[in-house]
Amino acid sequence: MRTIIALCVISLSASAQLFNGRLTTSLYGFQGTDTALAKQTYMRAYENIYLTAGSGNVSFNMNAMVSNDFGSSLVTDPELRISSLLVKVRKVGGLADLSVGRQFIYAGAAYGLIDGTLLNFRLWDDKIFVTGFGGTNVIHSRDLKSQWIGDNGMFGGQVVVAPSEQGSVGVSYVNKRKIRKPYNAVRLDSLFNPQVIVVNSLPLAEELASFDAEYEFAGRVFVQAKTEFDFDKEDLSKIQAFTRIKATECLNATVEYIFREPRVAYNSIFSVFNVNSTKELEGGLEYRPTATTFFFARFANVEYVDENSQRLAIGGTYDLVSATYTQNFGYAGELNGISLYAAYPMMERVLTPTLGLGYASFKHAKEDPSSTVVNANIGVVYRPVQTFSADVQLQWMQNPQFSNDVRLFVKCTYWFNEKMNWF
């Protein structure tokens, strides 16, 4: 990472530098319980830094967050999490964009955070896109501990062909490995005497390929399809198809079908259990009579091996108010819920009060007693200038575990955009 930052500084010295980004300071406080069920006050502070610096075809991007709890003592505090730290060079040789550093990969069947390299090619008048990537998987803490790729890497690529603006097809491949730390365990030897041994597990493995296609017919019908193949299990792991039909200028109809196997890494402890696929079919309507009014309704049926489950969602947005009703029933449990949200800008949007309400009743099976969850939040957003905003929100919830759960959230954000000549 030091090399990446050094290369960026050298590259930016060629001409004027453009700096933009945001600083966000947040505070989240509530009263909970520790492992001994004693009351404990938690007051956690977050500082998020998003920065982009560019000069010509070279840019540097960083997205990092540091957090610390001031109401209790945690072993991991202060905690630094870096989601991106990379240098990007555009139009290398007039064909490719090169990114080096910590970055999120999303290319067909591949997704995840790596410390590595991403290369994007544009060919044939931007009708063919070729992507290649490789690097080390970032551990869950997202710190800057260096790791050797070895059995802890992810590499692959994607090719997308878009002969016209109406459609495209693509294929992708990803090979992902995650090492697991060895651990000590007590086992019996041949004489049934206990002994401590070191267990070295095989890396978690994923090797997938995907095919994607989409096309829009005369601006009225949009069709999208995707399928994934798992090389370790030697079987299809996902089939997805989506269609949106524009019936009128205001009314759309949607249909989606999804077949999927649980995405469980090969060699994981969960891969030894029997898992079953699900089939899901959903239909919906979308109605937008004006720019500020939108209504929707969706119904889905999910098929398991011997059971099925359904879900219903109806909602809409009108100007400053939105509401949603959801209902689940069948094998996956029963749920009825409603949520409301409203915001009212005042003083030319300098002050915006907000209000949210929610209620849900649920049970795991028909014969089980019902449980309820009620929540509410009230807040205000203060934005005196375009570059600064402050958000204060009071949250309350009541559920079977907590009869009176009150929380406070405070957030301040500062945006900046500067052009400098430091070098």
Protein backbone atom coordinates (compact mmCIF):
# COMPACT_ATOMS: atom_id res chain seq x y z
CA MET A 1 0.00 0.00 0.00
CA ARG A 2 2.91 2.39 0.63
CA THR A 3 4.05 1.81 -2.95
CA ILE A 4 0.57 2.65 -4.24
CA ILE A 5 0.45 5.95 -2.35
CA ALA A 6 3.97 6.87 -3.48
CA LEU A 7 3.11 6.20 -7.13
CA CYS A 8 0.01 8.33 -6.80
CA VAL A 9 1.91 11.31 -5.35
CA ILE A 10 4.50 11.12 -8.14
CA SER A 11 1.81 10.87 -10.81
CA LEU A 12 -0.22 13.80 -9.46
CA SER A 13 2.82 16.07 -9.59
CA ALA A 14 2.54 16.43 -13.37
CA SER A 15 -0.26 19.05 -13.40
CA ALA A 16 -3.00 20.67 -11.34
CA GLN A 17 -4.66 18.39 -8.84
CA LEU A 18 -8.40 18.13 -8.23
CA PHE A 19 -9.40 17.04 -4.73
CA ASN A 20 -12.96 16.18 -3.77
CA GLY A 21 -14.60 14.05 -1.14
CA ARG A 22 -16.50 14.09 2.10
CA LEU A 23 -15.90 13.78 5.84
CA THR A 24 -18.66 12.18 7.91
CA THR A 25 -18.68 12.12 11.71
CA SER A 26 -21.32 9.91 13.35
CA LEU A 27 -22.30 9.06 16.91
CA TYR A 28 -24.59 6.16 17.82
CA GLY A 29 -25.64 5.58 21.41
CA PHE A 30 -27.88 3.07 23.15
CA GLN A 31 -28.15 1.01 26.33
CA GLY A 32 -27.75 -2.77 26.03
CA THR A 33 -26.52 -5.72 28.05
CA ASP A 34 -23.14 -7.41 28.25
CA THR A 35 -22.41 -11.15 28.39
CA ALA A 36 -23.35 -11.20 32.08
CA LEU A 37 -26.73 -9.56 31.25
CA ALA A 38 -25.72 -6.41 33.11
CA LYS A 39 -26.83 -3.06 31.69
CA GLN A 40 -24.16 -1.40 29.60
CA THR A 41 -24.13 1.97 27.82
CA TYR A 42 -22.67 1.97 24.32
CA MET A 43 -21.61 5.21 22.69
CA ARG A 44 -19.83 4.48 19.43
CA ALA A 45 -18.27 7.18 17.27
CA TYR A 46 -17.40 6.82 13.58
CA GLU A 47 -15.29 8.94 11.27
CA ASN A 48 -15.62 8.16 7.57
CA ILE A 49 -13.25 9.66 5.00
CA TYR A 50 -13.97 9.49 1.29
CA LEU A 51 -11.31 11.13 -0.89
CA THR A 52 -10.65 11.33 -4.62
CA ALA A 53 -7.61 13.13 -6.00
CA GLY A 54 -7.00 13.34 -9.73
CA SER A 55 -4.68 14.85 -12.27
CA GLY A 56 -5.11 14.12 -15.96
CA ASN A 57 -5.68 10.39 -16.45
CA VAL A 58 -4.40 9.45 -12.98
CA SER A 59 -6.56 9.40 -9.87
CA PHE A 60 -6.34 8.21 -6.28
CA ASN A 61 -9.33 6.97 -4.30
CA MET A 62 -9.68 6.21 -0.59
CA ASN A 63 -12.67 5.20 1.51
CA ALA A 64 -11.81 4.54 5.16
CA MET A 65 -13.58 4.52 8.50
CA VAL A 66 -12.25 4.59 12.06
CA SER A 67 -14.52 3.82 15.02
CA ASN A 68 -14.25 3.70 18.78
CA ASP A 69 -16.66 3.03 21.63
CA PHE A 70 -16.58 5.61 24.44
CA GLY A 71 -19.24 3.99 26.60
CA SER A 72 -17.53 0.61 27.02
CA SER A 73 -14.17 -1.02 26.44
CA LEU A 74 -13.75 -3.25 23.38
CA VAL A 75 -10.59 -5.20 22.58
CA THR A 76 -10.61 -4.21 18.90
CA ASP A 77 -10.90 -0.44 19.52
CA PRO A 78 -9.95 1.82 17.92
CA GLU A 79 -10.95 -0.02 14.74
CA LEU A 80 -9.78 1.05 11.27
CA ARG A 81 -11.61 -0.33 8.23
CA ILE A 82 -10.39 0.55 4.74
CA SER A 83 -12.83 -0.27 1.94
CA SER A 84 -10.83 1.24 -0.92
CA LEU A 85 -7.29 2.54 -1.39
CA LEU A 86 -6.24 2.51 -5.01
CA VAL A 87 -4.60 4.27 -7.93
CA LYS A 88 -6.41 4.32 -11.26
CA VAL A 89 -4.80 5.14 -14.60
CA ARG A 90 -7.22 5.69 -17.49
CA LYS A 91 -6.61 5.21 -21.22
CA VAL A 92 -3.39 3.22 -20.93
CA GLY A 93 -2.33 2.80 -24.54
CA GLY A 94 -5.65 4.34 -25.50
CA LEU A 95 -7.42 1.05 -24.73
CA ALA A 96 -7.30 0.12 -21.05
CA ASP A 97 -8.01 1.42 -17.56
CA LEU A 98 -5.72 0.08 -14.82
CA SER A 99 -6.57 0.07 -11.10
CA VAL A 100 -4.08 -1.07 -8.47
CA GLY A 101 -4.84 -1.35 -4.76
CA ARG A 102 -7.79 -2.22 -2.53
CA GLN A 103 -10.98 -2.27 -4.56
CA PHE A 104 -14.33 -3.99 -4.89
CA ILE A 105 -14.72 -6.40 -7.79
CA TYR A 106 -18.09 -6.92 -9.47
CA ALA A 107 -17.80 -8.80 -12.75
CA GLY A 108 -20.50 -11.36 -13.54
CA ALA A 109 -20.16 -14.24 -11.08
CA ALA A 110 -17.28 -12.49 -9.30
CA TYR A 111 -17.73 -10.10 -6.43
CA GLY A 112 -15.63 -9.29 -3.40
CA LEU A 113 -12.97 -7.00 -1.96
CA ILE A 114 -9.34 -7.60 -2.98
CA ASP A 115 -5.90 -6.07 -2.66
CA GLY A 116 -4.82 -6.43 -6.25
CA THR A 117 -5.15 -5.31 -9.85
CA LEU A 118 -8.11 -4.66 -12.13
CA LEU A 119 -7.68 -4.13 -15.88
CA ASN A 120 -10.51 -3.00 -18.17
CA PHE A 121 -10.16 -2.98 -21.98
CA ARG A 122 -12.47 -1.21 -24.44
CA LEU A 123 -12.29 -2.64 -27.94
CA TRP A 124 -14.05 -2.30 -31.31
CA ASP A 125 -15.44 1.22 -30.74
CA ASP A 126 -16.53 0.41 -27.18
CA LYS A 127 -18.58 -2.60 -28.26
CA ILE A 128 -16.40 -5.19 -26.53
CA PHE A 129 -15.39 -4.87 -22.87
CA VAL A 130 -12.76 -7.20 -21.39
CA THR A 131 -12.08 -7.27 -17.65
CA GLY A 132 -9.31 -9.10 -15.82
CA PHE A 133 -8.55 -9.04 -12.10
CA GLY A 134 -6.46 -10.77 -9.48
CA GLY A 135 -5.36 -10.24 -5.91
CA THR A 136 -5.63 -11.20 -2.27
CA ASN A 137 -8.97 -11.52 -0.49
CA VAL A 138 -9.37 -8.81 2.15
CA ILE A 139 -10.06 -10.14 5.64
CA HIS A 140 -13.30 -9.16 7.39
CA SER A 141 -11.63 -6.52 9.57
CA ARG A 142 -10.52 -4.61 6.41
CA ASP A 143 -7.26 -3.49 7.98
CA LEU A 144 -3.96 -3.16 6.12
CA LYS A 145 -2.29 -6.39 7.22
CA SER A 146 -0.33 -7.75 4.29
CA GLN A 147 -1.14 -11.29 3.15
CA TRP A 148 0.46 -13.57 0.60
CA ILE A 149 -1.96 -14.48 -2.19
CA GLY A 150 -1.20 -18.22 -2.27
CA ASP A 151 -4.39 -19.99 -1.21
CA ASN A 152 -6.07 -16.72 -0.24
CA GLY A 153 -6.61 -15.10 -3.63
CA MET A 154 -9.30 -14.30 -6.14
CA PHE A 155 -8.74 -14.01 -9.88
CA GLY A 156 -10.86 -14.15 -13.01
CA GLY A 157 -12.33 -12.07 -15.78
CA GLN A 158 -15.33 -11.08 -17.82
CA VAL A 159 -16.03 -10.41 -21.51
CA VAL A 160 -19.08 -8.35 -22.50
CA VAL A 161 -20.12 -7.83 -26.12
CA ALA A 162 -22.57 -4.98 -26.81
CA PRO A 163 -23.11 -4.76 -30.58
CA SER A 164 -25.90 -2.21 -30.07
CA GLU A 165 -27.30 0.05 -27.37
CA GLN A 166 -30.30 -2.27 -27.04
CA GLY A 167 -28.50 -5.42 -25.91
CA SER A 168 -25.38 -7.18 -24.67
CA VAL A 169 -24.09 -10.65 -23.79
CA GLY A 170 -21.31 -11.56 -21.40
CA VAL A 171 -19.39 -14.46 -19.90
CA SER A 172 -17.34 -14.45 -16.71
CA TYR A 173 -15.12 -16.71 -14.60
CA VAL A 174 -13.91 -16.48 -11.01
CA ASN A 175 -11.64 -18.65 -8.87
CA LYS A 176 -11.67 -17.74 -5.20
CA ARG A 177 -9.75 -19.25 -2.28
CA LYS A 178 -9.79 -18.31 1.40
CA ILE A 179 -7.31 -19.80 3.85
CA ARG A 180 -8.44 -20.81 7.32
CA LYS A 181 -6.32 -20.51 10.41
CA PRO A 182 -5.18 -23.79 11.99
CA TYR A 183 -6.60 -24.57 15.42
CA ASN A 184 -5.90 -26.94 18.31
CA ALA A 185 -8.30 -29.77 19.14
CA VAL A 186 -8.37 -32.74 21.51
CA ARG A 187 -8.54 -36.11 19.75
CA LEU A 188 -8.12 -39.73 20.86
CA ASP A 189 -5.11 -41.71 19.69
CA SER A 190 -5.13 -45.43 18.81
CA LEU A 191 -5.11 -46.31 22.53
CA PHE A 192 -7.99 -43.92 23.23
CA ASN A 193 -5.77 -41.49 25.10
CA PRO A 194 -6.64 -37.80 24.61
CA GLN A 195 -4.04 -35.70 22.84
CA VAL A 196 -3.90 -32.18 21.45
CA ILE A 197 -3.38 -31.95 17.71
CA VAL A 198 -3.19 -29.08 15.23
CA VAL A 199 -5.97 -29.14 12.64
CA ASN A 200 -5.13 -27.63 9.26
CA SER A 201 -8.23 -27.18 7.14
CA LEU A 202 -8.35 -26.94 3.37
CA PRO A 203 -9.02 -23.45 1.96
CA LEU A 204 -12.58 -22.40 1.29
CA ALA A 205 -13.04 -22.63 -2.47
CA GLU A 206 -15.34 -21.16 -5.10
CA GLU A 207 -14.94 -21.66 -8.85
CA LEU A 208 -17.80 -20.30 -10.93
CA ALA A 209 -18.62 -19.29 -14.49
CA SER A 210 -21.59 -17.22 -15.61
CA PHE A 211 -23.44 -16.19 -18.75
CA ASP A 212 -25.42 -12.93 -18.90
CA ALA A 213 -27.63 -11.44 -21.60
CA GLU A 214 -30.00 -8.50 -21.84
CA TYR A 215 -31.99 -6.84 -24.61
CA GLU A 216 -34.54 -4.05 -24.99
CA PHE A 217 -37.21 -4.38 -27.69
CA ALA A 218 -38.39 -1.07 -29.17
CA GLY A 219 -38.21 0.64 -25.78
CA ARG A 220 -41.19 -1.39 -24.60
CA VAL A 221 -39.89 -4.76 -23.42
CA PHE A 222 -36.68 -5.32 -21.46
CA VAL A 223 -35.39 -8.89 -20.99
CA GLN A 224 -32.47 -9.97 -18.80
CA ALA A 225 -31.14 -13.49 -18.14
CA LYS A 226 -28.27 -14.91 -16.09
CA THR A 227 -26.97 -18.37 -15.26
CA GLU A 228 -24.07 -19.59 -13.09
CA PHE A 229 -22.19 -22.90 -13.14
CA ASP A 230 -20.31 -24.25 -10.11
CA PHE A 231 -17.19 -26.21 -11.14
CA ASP A 232 -16.66 -27.71 -7.68
CA LYS A 233 -20.20 -29.13 -7.53
CA GLU A 234 -20.35 -29.69 -11.31
CA ASP A 235 -23.86 -28.30 -11.53
CA LEU A 236 -25.83 -25.14 -12.27
CA SER A 237 -26.03 -23.00 -9.15
CA LYS A 238 -28.27 -20.17 -10.39
CA ILE A 239 -30.71 -19.37 -13.19
CA GLN A 240 -32.34 -15.94 -13.25
CA ALA A 241 -34.65 -14.28 -15.78
CA PHE A 242 -36.28 -10.86 -15.55
CA THR A 243 -38.71 -9.04 -17.87
CA ARG A 244 -40.16 -5.53 -17.68
CA ILE A 245 -43.03 -4.66 -20.05
CA LYS A 246 -43.98 -1.03 -20.60
CA ALA A 247 -47.75 -1.29 -21.03
CA THR A 248 -48.31 2.49 -21.10
CA GLU A 249 -46.25 5.59 -20.40
CA CYS A 250 -47.17 5.27 -16.72
CA LEU A 251 -47.65 1.52 -16.19
CA ASN A 252 -45.01 -1.26 -16.16
CA ALA A 253 -45.42 -4.99 -15.53
CA THR A 254 -42.54 -7.14 -14.25
CA VAL A 255 -41.92 -10.89 -14.08
CA GLU A 256 -38.88 -12.54 -12.47
CA TYR A 257 -37.85 -16.19 -12.07
CA ILE A 258 -34.93 -17.34 -9.90
CA PHE A 259 -33.56 -20.86 -9.39
CA ARG A 260 -30.64 -21.01 -6.98
CA GLU A 261 -28.59 -23.35 -4.91
CA PRO A 262 -27.27 -22.03 -1.59
CA ARG A 263 -23.91 -20.39 -2.29
CA VAL A 264 -21.77 -22.37 0.15
CA ALA A 265 -18.00 -22.40 -0.29
CA TYR A 266 -16.46 -25.78 -1.13
CA ASN A 267 -14.55 -27.33 1.82
CA SER A 268 -16.53 -25.30 4.37
CA ILE A 269 -18.19 -27.05 7.30
CA PHE A 270 -21.60 -26.20 5.81
CA SER A 271 -20.81 -28.00 2.54
CA VAL A 272 -21.09 -31.40 4.28
CA PHE A 273 -24.80 -30.86 5.00
CA ASN A 274 -27.56 -31.62 2.54
CA VAL A 275 -28.78 -28.40 0.96
CA ASN A 276 -31.73 -27.90 -1.35
CA SER A 277 -32.43 -25.44 -4.12
CA THR A 278 -35.31 -22.96 -4.23
CA LYS A 279 -37.43 -21.76 -7.13
CA GLU A 280 -38.94 -18.31 -6.99
CA LEU A 281 -41.47 -16.67 -9.32
CA GLU A 282 -42.50 -13.04 -8.81
CA GLY A 283 -44.87 -10.78 -10.71
CA GLY A 284 -45.44 -7.09 -10.18
CA LEU A 285 -46.96 -3.82 -11.35
CA GLU A 286 -45.36 -0.36 -11.26
CA TYR A 287 -47.41 2.81 -11.76
CA ARG A 288 -45.88 6.29 -12.03
CA PRO A 289 -48.53 8.89 -13.02
CA THR A 290 -46.32 11.88 -12.12
CA ALA A 291 -42.67 12.57 -11.36
CA THR A 292 -43.37 12.59 -7.60
CA THR A 293 -45.89 9.74 -7.43
CA PHE A 294 -45.05 6.04 -7.63
CA PHE A 295 -47.04 2.92 -6.67
CA PHE A 296 -46.08 -0.75 -6.83
CA ALA A 297 -47.47 -4.20 -6.05
CA ARG A 298 -45.53 -7.48 -6.10
CA PHE A 299 -46.46 -11.09 -5.36
CA ALA A 300 -44.02 -14.01 -5.22
CA ASN A 301 -44.19 -17.76 -4.71
CA VAL A 302 -41.12 -19.63 -3.42
CA GLU A 303 -40.92 -23.40 -3.87
CA TYR A 304 -38.85 -25.61 -1.58
CA VAL A 305 -38.51 -29.40 -1.83
CA ASP A 306 -41.87 -30.30 -0.29
CA GLU A 307 -43.21 -26.90 0.78
CA ASN A 308 -43.84 -23.43 -0.56
CA SER A 309 -44.08 -19.89 0.74
CA GLN A 310 -45.58 -16.65 -0.55
CA ARG A 311 -44.93 -12.97 -0.04
CA LEU A 312 -46.86 -9.84 -0.94
CA ALA A 313 -45.66 -6.23 -1.03
CA ILE A 314 -47.78 -3.15 -1.78
CA GLY A 315 -46.58 0.40 -1.44
CA GLY A 316 -46.00 3.78 -2.91
CA THR A 317 -44.54 7.24 -2.66
CA TYR A 318 -46.46 10.49 -2.96
CA ASP A 319 -44.40 13.65 -2.87
CA LEU A 320 -42.92 13.63 0.67
CA VAL A 321 -44.64 10.51 2.07
CA SER A 322 -43.99 6.80 1.44
CA ALA A 323 -45.75 3.70 2.77
CA THR A 324 -45.28 -0.06 2.35
CA TYR A 325 -47.31 -3.09 3.42
CA THR A 326 -45.71 -6.56 3.41
CA GLN A 327 -47.15 -10.00 4.10
CA ASN A 328 -45.37 -13.36 4.21
CA PHE A 329 -47.16 -16.67 4.68
CA GLY A 330 -46.48 -20.36 4.22
CA TYR A 331 -43.45 -22.50 5.01
CA ALA A 332 -41.09 -19.56 5.73
CA GLY A 333 -43.35 -18.21 8.46
CA GLU A 334 -46.10 -15.63 8.71
CA LEU A 335 -45.55 -11.88 8.84
CA ASN A 336 -47.71 -8.79 8.48
CA GLY A 337 -45.96 -5.45 8.50
CA ILE A 338 -46.45 -1.82 7.60
CA SER A 339 -43.98 1.05 7.43
CA LEU A 340 -44.50 4.80 6.96
CA TYR A 341 -41.97 7.54 6.30
CA ALA A 342 -42.37 11.29 5.79
CA ALA A 343 -40.03 14.23 5.27
CA TYR A 344 -41.05 17.89 5.06
CA PRO A 345 -38.44 20.37 3.75
CA MET A 346 -38.69 23.87 5.25
CA MET A 347 -36.91 27.20 4.80
CA GLU A 348 -35.82 26.36 1.24
CA ARG A 349 -34.64 22.89 2.34
CA VAL A 350 -32.37 24.25 5.07
CA LEU A 351 -34.39 22.34 7.67
CA THR A 352 -36.06 18.98 6.99
CA PRO A 353 -37.97 17.21 9.80
CA THR A 354 -38.43 13.45 9.30
CA LEU A 355 -40.75 10.86 10.83
CA GLY A 356 -40.83 7.08 10.48
CA LEU A 357 -43.21 4.45 11.89
CA GLY A 358 -43.24 0.69 11.63
CA TYR A 359 -45.30 -2.24 12.90
CA ALA A 360 -44.94 -5.98 12.29
CA SER A 361 -46.63 -9.12 13.61
CA PHE A 362 -44.92 -12.44 12.96
CA LYS A 363 -44.82 -16.13 13.90
CA HIS A 364 -42.73 -19.03 12.64
CA ALA A 365 -45.65 -21.44 12.21
CA LYS A 366 -49.45 -21.25 12.22
CA GLU A 367 -49.72 -22.89 15.62
CA ASP A 368 -47.17 -20.52 17.23
CA PRO A 369 -48.26 -17.42 19.18
CA SER A 370 -47.77 -14.10 17.41
CA SER A 371 -45.01 -11.67 18.33
CA THR A 372 -45.01 -7.97 17.52
CA VAL A 373 -42.38 -5.36 16.78
CA VAL A 374 -43.11 -1.63 16.92
CA ASN A 375 -40.59 1.03 15.96
CA ALA A 376 -40.52 4.76 15.44
CA ASN A 377 -37.98 7.42 14.65
CA ILE A 378 -38.10 11.19 14.60
CA GLY A 379 -35.35 13.45 13.38
CA VAL A 380 -34.27 16.58 11.61
CA VAL A 381 -31.72 17.34 8.88
CA TYR A 382 -30.07 20.77 8.97
CA ARG A 383 -28.24 21.92 5.83
CA PRO A 384 -27.44 25.66 5.93
CA VAL A 385 -25.03 25.45 2.97
CA GLN A 386 -24.39 22.97 0.15
CA THR A 387 -21.16 21.72 1.73
CA PHE A 388 -22.42 20.88 5.23
CA SER A 389 -25.30 18.97 6.80
CA ALA A 390 -26.20 17.76 10.29
CA ASP A 391 -28.62 14.91 10.98
CA VAL A 392 -30.10 14.08 14.40
CA GLN A 393 -32.44 11.11 14.87
CA LEU A 394 -34.10 9.56 17.92
CA GLN A 395 -35.04 5.88 17.47
CA TRP A 396 -37.37 3.73 19.57
CA MET A 397 -38.29 0.04 19.30
CA GLN A 398 -40.35 -2.48 21.25
CA ASN A 399 -40.04 -6.23 20.63
CA PRO A 400 -40.26 -9.52 22.58
CA GLN A 401 -36.70 -9.03 23.86
CA PHE A 402 -36.77 -5.30 24.72
CA SER A 403 -39.82 -3.41 25.97
CA ASN A 404 -38.23 0.03 25.59
CA ASP A 405 -35.19 0.27 23.30
CA VAL A 406 -34.20 3.93 22.77
CA ARG A 407 -31.24 4.97 20.60
CA LEU A 408 -29.68 8.25 19.46
CA PHE A 409 -27.99 8.82 16.11
CA VAL A 410 -26.10 12.01 15.20
CA LYS A 411 -24.29 12.60 11.91
CA CYS A 412 -22.41 15.56 10.42
CA THR A 413 -21.15 15.59 6.82
CA TYR A 414 -18.80 18.02 5.07
CA TRP A 415 -18.24 17.97 1.29
CA PHE A 416 -15.25 19.57 -0.40
CA ASN A 417 -14.04 20.11 -3.96
CA GLU A 418 -10.77 21.96 -4.53
CA LYS A 419 -8.38 22.53 -7.42
CA MET A 420 -4.77 22.99 -6.33
CA ASN A 421 -1.28 23.39 -7.76
CA TRP A 422 0.97 21.95 -5.08
CA PHE A 423 3.72 20.63 -7.35
